[in-house]
């Protein structure tokens, strides 16, 4: 799969937004890292991009990189695809860069 050929890299918040509730912070319990990513698909490639958003999260989960929290994929009025999901940790994000299963997605 060639992610780059499917969309223009139009990443709004590429790496991470730390998401911790007050309760979790008080307990000092680690939480995952929520991310919000926006992709602008090339003309005629929207369905391919949507399919990639369905396929990549199960791979991240199988590699122990993403949580089981439900993900959300939305379409903006201008055709931008917005995805929200949770990495297990900042370390999981970093290790994804060298993970062969993740590299196979590109």
N, C-alpha and C. Protein backbone atom coordinates (compact mmCIF):
# COMPACT_ATOMS: atom_id res chain seq x y z
N UNK A 1 0.83 -1.17 0.00
CA UNK A 1 0.00 0.00 0.00
C UNK A 1 0.87 1.24 0.00
N UNK A 2 0.48 2.24 -0.72
CA UNK A 2 1.26 3.46 -0.82
C UNK A 2 0.44 4.63 -0.28
N UNK A 3 0.62 4.92 0.99
CA UNK A 3 -0.12 5.99 1.62
C UNK A 3 0.16 7.32 0.94
N UNK A 4 1.40 7.57 0.61
CA UNK A 4 1.78 8.85 0.02
C UNK A 4 1.06 9.08 -1.30
N UNK A 5 0.86 8.03 -2.10
CA UNK A 5 0.20 8.22 -3.38
C UNK A 5 -1.31 8.39 -3.24
N UNK A 6 -1.85 8.11 -2.08
CA UNK A 6 -3.29 8.20 -1.86
C UNK A 6 -3.70 9.57 -1.34
N UNK A 7 -2.85 10.22 -0.59
CA UNK A 7 -3.25 11.49 0.01
C UNK A 7 -2.11 12.48 0.02
N UNK A 8 -2.50 13.72 0.06
CA UNK A 8 -1.53 14.78 0.29
C UNK A 8 -1.30 14.80 1.79
N UNK A 9 -0.07 14.83 2.20
CA UNK A 9 0.21 14.84 3.64
C UNK A 9 -0.23 16.17 4.22
N UNK A 10 -1.44 16.18 4.71
CA UNK A 10 -2.07 17.37 5.25
C UNK A 10 -2.40 17.05 6.69
N UNK A 11 -1.35 16.87 7.46
CA UNK A 11 -1.52 16.40 8.82
C UNK A 11 -1.70 17.60 9.75
N UNK A 12 -2.84 17.63 10.40
CA UNK A 12 -3.15 18.76 11.28
C UNK A 12 -2.37 18.62 12.58
N UNK A 13 -2.53 17.54 13.24
CA UNK A 13 -1.79 17.27 14.46
C UNK A 13 -1.15 15.90 14.28
N UNK A 14 0.05 15.86 13.77
CA UNK A 14 0.64 14.62 13.32
C UNK A 14 1.05 13.71 14.46
N UNK A 15 1.74 14.19 15.38
CA UNK A 15 2.26 13.28 16.39
C UNK A 15 1.27 13.05 17.52
N UNK A 16 1.07 14.06 18.35
CA UNK A 16 0.24 13.70 19.48
C UNK A 16 -0.33 14.86 20.25
N UNK A 17 -1.44 14.54 20.88
CA UNK A 17 -2.04 15.42 21.87
C UNK A 17 -2.20 14.55 23.10
N UNK A 18 -1.49 14.86 24.14
CA UNK A 18 -1.60 14.03 25.34
C UNK A 18 -3.01 14.17 25.89
N UNK A 19 -3.63 13.04 26.16
CA UNK A 19 -5.00 13.06 26.67
C UNK A 19 -5.03 12.38 28.03
N UNK A 20 -5.18 13.17 29.06
CA UNK A 20 -5.25 12.62 30.41
C UNK A 20 -6.39 13.30 31.15
N UNK A 21 -7.20 12.53 31.78
CA UNK A 21 -8.27 13.11 32.58
C UNK A 21 -7.71 13.48 33.95
N UNK A 22 -8.42 14.35 34.68
CA UNK A 22 -7.96 14.73 36.02
C UNK A 22 -7.87 13.51 36.91
N UNK A 23 -8.84 12.62 36.80
CA UNK A 23 -8.85 11.44 37.63
C UNK A 23 -7.61 10.59 37.36
N UNK A 24 -7.29 10.38 36.11
CA UNK A 24 -6.13 9.58 35.76
C UNK A 24 -4.86 10.25 36.24
N UNK A 25 -4.76 11.56 36.12
CA UNK A 25 -3.57 12.27 36.58
C UNK A 25 -3.41 12.13 38.08
N UNK A 26 -4.50 12.18 38.79
CA UNK A 26 -4.43 12.06 40.25
C UNK A 26 -3.95 10.67 40.66
N UNK A 27 -4.30 9.67 39.89
CA UNK A 27 -3.90 8.30 40.21
C UNK A 27 -2.49 7.99 39.72
N UNK A 28 -1.88 8.90 38.96
CA UNK A 28 -0.58 8.66 38.35
C UNK A 28 -0.58 7.42 37.46
N UNK A 29 -1.69 7.16 36.87
CA UNK A 29 -1.84 6.02 35.98
C UNK A 29 -1.54 6.48 34.55
N UNK A 30 -0.64 5.78 33.84
CA UNK A 30 -0.33 6.21 32.49
C UNK A 30 -1.52 6.00 31.55
N UNK A 31 -1.67 6.92 30.65
CA UNK A 31 -2.71 6.79 29.63
C UNK A 31 -2.05 6.79 28.27
N UNK A 32 -2.85 6.52 27.28
CA UNK A 32 -2.36 6.56 25.92
C UNK A 32 -2.21 7.99 25.44
N UNK A 33 -1.89 8.12 24.17
CA UNK A 33 -1.69 9.43 23.56
C UNK A 33 -2.69 9.54 22.42
N UNK A 34 -3.65 10.45 22.58
CA UNK A 34 -4.66 10.66 21.54
C UNK A 34 -4.04 11.45 20.40
N UNK A 35 -4.39 11.08 19.17
CA UNK A 35 -3.93 11.83 18.00
C UNK A 35 -5.11 12.18 17.12
N UNK A 36 -5.00 13.34 16.51
CA UNK A 36 -5.98 13.80 15.54
C UNK A 36 -5.18 14.06 14.27
N UNK A 37 -5.54 13.37 13.20
CA UNK A 37 -4.79 13.49 11.95
C UNK A 37 -5.78 13.85 10.84
N UNK A 38 -5.38 14.75 9.97
CA UNK A 38 -6.23 15.13 8.83
C UNK A 38 -5.47 14.84 7.55
N UNK A 39 -6.13 14.17 6.62
CA UNK A 39 -5.55 13.82 5.33
C UNK A 39 -6.39 14.45 4.23
N UNK A 40 -5.74 15.02 3.25
CA UNK A 40 -6.44 15.57 2.08
C UNK A 40 -6.20 14.60 0.93
N UNK A 41 -7.21 13.80 0.55
CA UNK A 41 -6.99 12.81 -0.51
C UNK A 41 -6.80 13.44 -1.88
N UNK A 42 -5.98 12.78 -2.69
CA UNK A 42 -5.85 13.19 -4.09
C UNK A 42 -7.19 12.95 -4.80
N UNK A 43 -7.42 13.65 -5.87
CA UNK A 43 -8.63 13.49 -6.68
C UNK A 43 -8.83 12.02 -7.04
N UNK A 44 -10.01 11.47 -6.72
CA UNK A 44 -10.35 10.10 -7.07
C UNK A 44 -9.76 9.04 -6.15
N UNK A 45 -9.06 9.43 -5.09
CA UNK A 45 -8.40 8.47 -4.19
C UNK A 45 -9.05 8.40 -2.81
N UNK A 46 -10.20 9.03 -2.65
CA UNK A 46 -10.83 9.08 -1.34
C UNK A 46 -11.15 7.69 -0.78
N UNK A 47 -11.70 6.81 -1.60
CA UNK A 47 -12.06 5.47 -1.11
C UNK A 47 -10.82 4.67 -0.71
N UNK A 48 -9.73 4.83 -1.47
CA UNK A 48 -8.48 4.16 -1.12
C UNK A 48 -7.96 4.65 0.23
N UNK A 49 -8.04 5.95 0.44
CA UNK A 49 -7.60 6.52 1.71
C UNK A 49 -8.47 6.02 2.85
N UNK A 50 -9.76 5.98 2.66
CA UNK A 50 -10.66 5.47 3.70
C UNK A 50 -10.34 4.02 4.04
N UNK A 51 -10.00 3.23 3.02
CA UNK A 51 -9.63 1.83 3.26
C UNK A 51 -8.34 1.74 4.09
N UNK A 52 -7.39 2.61 3.80
CA UNK A 52 -6.15 2.63 4.60
C UNK A 52 -6.43 2.97 6.05
N UNK A 53 -7.37 3.88 6.30
CA UNK A 53 -7.69 4.21 7.69
C UNK A 53 -8.34 3.02 8.39
N UNK A 54 -9.00 2.15 7.65
CA UNK A 54 -9.59 0.94 8.25
C UNK A 54 -8.53 -0.12 8.52
N UNK A 55 -7.49 -0.16 7.71
CA UNK A 55 -6.49 -1.22 7.80
C UNK A 55 -5.35 -0.94 8.76
N UNK A 56 -4.97 0.31 8.91
CA UNK A 56 -3.75 0.58 9.68
C UNK A 56 -3.92 0.38 11.18
N UNK A 57 -5.09 0.69 11.74
CA UNK A 57 -5.25 0.58 13.18
C UNK A 57 -5.19 -0.87 13.68
N UNK A 58 -5.82 -1.85 13.01
CA UNK A 58 -5.65 -3.23 13.46
C UNK A 58 -4.18 -3.67 13.44
N UNK A 59 -3.40 -3.16 12.50
CA UNK A 59 -1.98 -3.51 12.45
C UNK A 59 -1.25 -2.87 13.63
N UNK A 60 -1.54 -1.59 13.90
CA UNK A 60 -0.92 -0.95 15.06
C UNK A 60 -1.28 -1.70 16.35
N UNK A 61 -2.53 -2.11 16.46
CA UNK A 61 -2.95 -2.85 17.66
C UNK A 61 -2.26 -4.20 17.76
N UNK A 62 -2.14 -4.90 16.65
CA UNK A 62 -1.49 -6.22 16.67
C UNK A 62 -0.02 -6.12 17.06
N UNK A 63 0.57 -4.97 16.83
CA UNK A 63 1.97 -4.74 17.19
C UNK A 63 2.12 -4.15 18.60
N UNK A 64 0.99 -3.99 19.30
CA UNK A 64 1.02 -3.46 20.66
C UNK A 64 1.28 -1.96 20.70
N UNK A 65 0.95 -1.25 19.63
CA UNK A 65 1.25 0.18 19.53
C UNK A 65 0.05 1.07 19.78
N UNK A 66 -1.15 0.58 19.54
CA UNK A 66 -2.38 1.38 19.71
C UNK A 66 -3.30 0.68 20.69
N UNK A 67 -4.10 1.48 21.37
CA UNK A 67 -5.04 0.91 22.35
C UNK A 67 -6.29 0.38 21.64
N UNK A 68 -7.14 -0.25 22.42
CA UNK A 68 -8.41 -0.77 21.89
C UNK A 68 -9.51 0.28 21.92
N UNK A 69 -9.19 1.48 22.36
CA UNK A 69 -10.19 2.55 22.39
C UNK A 69 -10.74 2.74 20.98
N UNK A 70 -12.04 2.93 20.83
CA UNK A 70 -12.60 3.12 19.49
C UNK A 70 -11.95 4.30 18.77
N UNK A 71 -11.77 4.14 17.48
CA UNK A 71 -11.24 5.24 16.67
C UNK A 71 -12.41 5.88 15.93
N UNK A 72 -12.16 7.07 15.42
CA UNK A 72 -13.19 7.80 14.70
C UNK A 72 -12.59 8.33 13.41
N UNK A 73 -13.30 8.11 12.32
CA UNK A 73 -12.90 8.66 11.03
C UNK A 73 -14.07 9.48 10.51
N UNK A 74 -13.76 10.72 10.14
CA UNK A 74 -14.80 11.64 9.71
C UNK A 74 -14.39 12.31 8.41
N UNK A 75 -15.35 12.83 7.70
CA UNK A 75 -15.09 13.54 6.45
C UNK A 75 -15.57 14.98 6.60
N UNK A 76 -14.66 15.93 6.37
CA UNK A 76 -15.01 17.35 6.43
C UNK A 76 -15.68 17.76 5.12
N UNK A 77 -16.32 18.90 5.12
CA UNK A 77 -17.02 19.40 3.95
C UNK A 77 -16.13 19.58 2.73
N UNK A 78 -14.83 19.86 2.96
CA UNK A 78 -13.92 20.04 1.83
C UNK A 78 -13.28 18.74 1.37
N UNK A 79 -13.71 17.59 1.94
CA UNK A 79 -13.18 16.29 1.53
C UNK A 79 -12.03 15.79 2.39
N UNK A 80 -11.56 16.61 3.31
CA UNK A 80 -10.49 16.17 4.21
C UNK A 80 -11.00 15.03 5.08
N UNK A 81 -10.18 14.00 5.24
CA UNK A 81 -10.50 12.87 6.11
C UNK A 81 -9.81 13.13 7.44
N UNK A 82 -10.57 13.12 8.52
CA UNK A 82 -10.04 13.36 9.86
C UNK A 82 -10.15 12.06 10.65
N UNK A 83 -9.05 11.66 11.28
CA UNK A 83 -9.02 10.42 12.05
C UNK A 83 -8.55 10.72 13.46
N UNK A 84 -9.19 10.07 14.44
CA UNK A 84 -8.82 10.20 15.85
C UNK A 84 -8.62 8.79 16.39
N UNK A 85 -7.45 8.54 16.98
CA UNK A 85 -7.21 7.25 17.63
C UNK A 85 -6.19 7.43 18.74
N UNK A 86 -5.92 6.36 19.50
CA UNK A 86 -5.04 6.45 20.65
C UNK A 86 -3.87 5.49 20.54
N UNK A 87 -2.66 6.05 20.60
CA UNK A 87 -1.44 5.25 20.72
C UNK A 87 -1.33 4.77 22.16
N UNK A 88 -0.63 3.67 22.40
CA UNK A 88 -0.46 3.20 23.78
C UNK A 88 0.41 4.14 24.60
N UNK A 89 1.40 4.75 23.96
CA UNK A 89 2.33 5.62 24.68
C UNK A 89 3.16 6.42 23.69
N UNK A 90 3.93 7.36 24.21
CA UNK A 90 4.87 8.10 23.37
C UNK A 90 5.93 7.14 22.82
N UNK A 91 6.32 6.17 23.61
CA UNK A 91 7.30 5.18 23.17
C UNK A 91 6.76 4.35 22.01
N UNK A 92 5.46 4.07 22.04
CA UNK A 92 4.84 3.31 20.94
C UNK A 92 4.91 4.10 19.64
N UNK A 93 4.69 5.41 19.72
CA UNK A 93 4.79 6.26 18.54
C UNK A 93 6.20 6.19 17.97
N UNK A 94 7.19 6.32 18.85
CA UNK A 94 8.58 6.29 18.41
C UNK A 94 8.95 4.95 17.81
N UNK A 95 8.50 3.86 18.43
CA UNK A 95 8.87 2.53 17.93
C UNK A 95 8.17 2.21 16.61
N UNK A 96 7.07 2.87 16.32
CA UNK A 96 6.37 2.63 15.05
C UNK A 96 7.26 2.98 13.87
N UNK A 97 8.17 3.94 14.03
CA UNK A 97 9.05 4.37 12.95
C UNK A 97 10.01 3.28 12.49
N UNK A 98 10.28 2.31 13.35
CA UNK A 98 11.21 1.22 13.00
C UNK A 98 10.52 -0.13 12.95
N UNK A 99 9.20 -0.15 13.07
CA UNK A 99 8.46 -1.41 13.08
C UNK A 99 8.20 -1.88 11.63
N UNK A 100 8.63 -3.10 11.27
CA UNK A 100 8.46 -3.59 9.91
C UNK A 100 6.99 -3.68 9.45
N UNK A 101 6.09 -4.06 10.34
CA UNK A 101 4.67 -4.17 9.97
C UNK A 101 4.09 -2.79 9.66
N UNK A 102 4.53 -1.80 10.37
CA UNK A 102 4.06 -0.43 10.12
C UNK A 102 4.69 0.09 8.84
N UNK A 103 5.96 -0.20 8.64
CA UNK A 103 6.66 0.25 7.42
C UNK A 103 6.01 -0.33 6.17
N UNK A 104 5.46 -1.53 6.28
CA UNK A 104 4.82 -2.18 5.13
C UNK A 104 3.56 -1.44 4.68
N UNK A 105 3.00 -0.58 5.53
CA UNK A 105 1.82 0.20 5.16
C UNK A 105 2.15 1.28 4.15
N UNK A 106 3.39 1.74 4.13
CA UNK A 106 3.77 2.87 3.27
C UNK A 106 4.20 2.44 1.88
